[in-house]
Structure formats: structure tokens, C-alpha cells
Amino acid sequence: MKHRNVNNGGSNRSTIQSVSTSILPPLCWSSISLICHLKSEHYLKFKNCLHSHWKWSQTNKIHSTTILLDNNKQILFHPRTSSSTQVILADRPLPLNGKHYWEIYVPAVYGTSIMFGIATNEQQMFSSTFTNLIGIDQHGWGLSHHGLLWHNGISYSYLSKPMESLQPVLIGLEFDADARTLSYIINNQSMGIAFRCIPTNVLIYPAVSSTSA
């Protein structure tokens, strides 16, 4: 799947293209390097850039509703049909200090709930129903493709409108481990701080979830 290659400062950034509604590809998400001050279009003013390569965690595939590809850098959710919700975490927690930015490319958003966020290792990983699983309790902080933030089972308005259905999207997430905030950058446009007061006494992981096949 096409995604920005941040290992060379984003110079191989792929064009975001529309997806045909007649032939919808499987939902396959690409993770990019977890770094400090990404040298991308959005973070070009920062000169210090420390790359920290990471992958999606295989240990969380307890219900086998996903397939990990490209050395665990891509996720194929519900490859045949979907009747559930699955969460996948990164294979390592975010650092305890500094600002950390990563991006996820999705070829098309659709369905009941596609979510991008962070979670602790106490996050519920599976539901037999379609639901907003990241943020269903105190262990997750997530943004759904409908434009709502979720935490502790409560939703809040964040985006002025839902992400455009059946269109690709590039989601950037910035976790400030010192200020304990999470912000979103969507298609290179900053949406501002989404969550504040994220606890300091737990390990925090990048997280994604989907109900869509």
C-alpha cells in the first residue's frame, strides 16, 4: 500500500488518490516510523529527527481477524467478512519523554468504526459486535473516522465533519509525553490537541481498530 517513507525525510511521499466505489480494496493500514519531530511537510521546521522503527504487534491477534503484512508494518483487517471489532497495538510503548509522531495511511474509510489512537496494555482487544473499541473505557484514547473522540466510554465532537467515505486518508498522530497530550494531523492539516491529561503511570502504545472488512 502507498504511504509516506519518512526514513528519507518524506521525499518519497505518495500521492493520496481516490478509491473506486465499485472495487473496494481490503482495509490495509501502513505504519510509518515512530520518531521524534518527523521531517515531513508538517514538521519541516524541526531539524532534530530521531527515527525509531516499530511494527504492529502479533501478540494481540488473539481472534485471528487480521493479517499482518510487510514484516508486520501493515494490517489487513477482516480479510473475508467482518462481524466483529479488532484492536491492534504497536509492538513497543511510546517513550516516556519528548514529542513522538507517526502516520497511518488507509486506502479508504467506511463502515461502523475505524479508529486511530493510543492505548495501554489493558485495552480491550476484541469485541464480537461493531463498536468504537479504542476509548470504550479508561484504557484508550481514539478518534473514529466519523470525527468523534472516544475515551472512558464517552464521545466528543472533534472534526467539523466525518472523514470522507470511500476516500483515502493519511492520519498523523503526535503524542507529547511531557505535556501528556495527543494531537491529530489529517492529510497534512493540523486538527489541534484532542486529548489532555493522559496518565503518566502507564505505558502508552499506538493503537488502531476497525470493524470494516
Foldseek 3Di string as FASTA:
>chain_A
DAAFAQVVLRPPGDDFDFFDPVDADFKKKFKYWKWAQGNYPLRVVDDDIGTDHWAKDPVLCPPVQWDADDVRRMIGGRVDFFQWKFKIWIPFFDDLAHKIKMKMKTAFDDDDWKKWWKFFPVQDGIGSHDDDRAQCAQGHWIATQQQWIHHHNDIDHQDPGGHDGRGMKMWMWMAHSVQRWIWIQIPNRTSDTDDGPHDSPTTMTTMIMDRGD
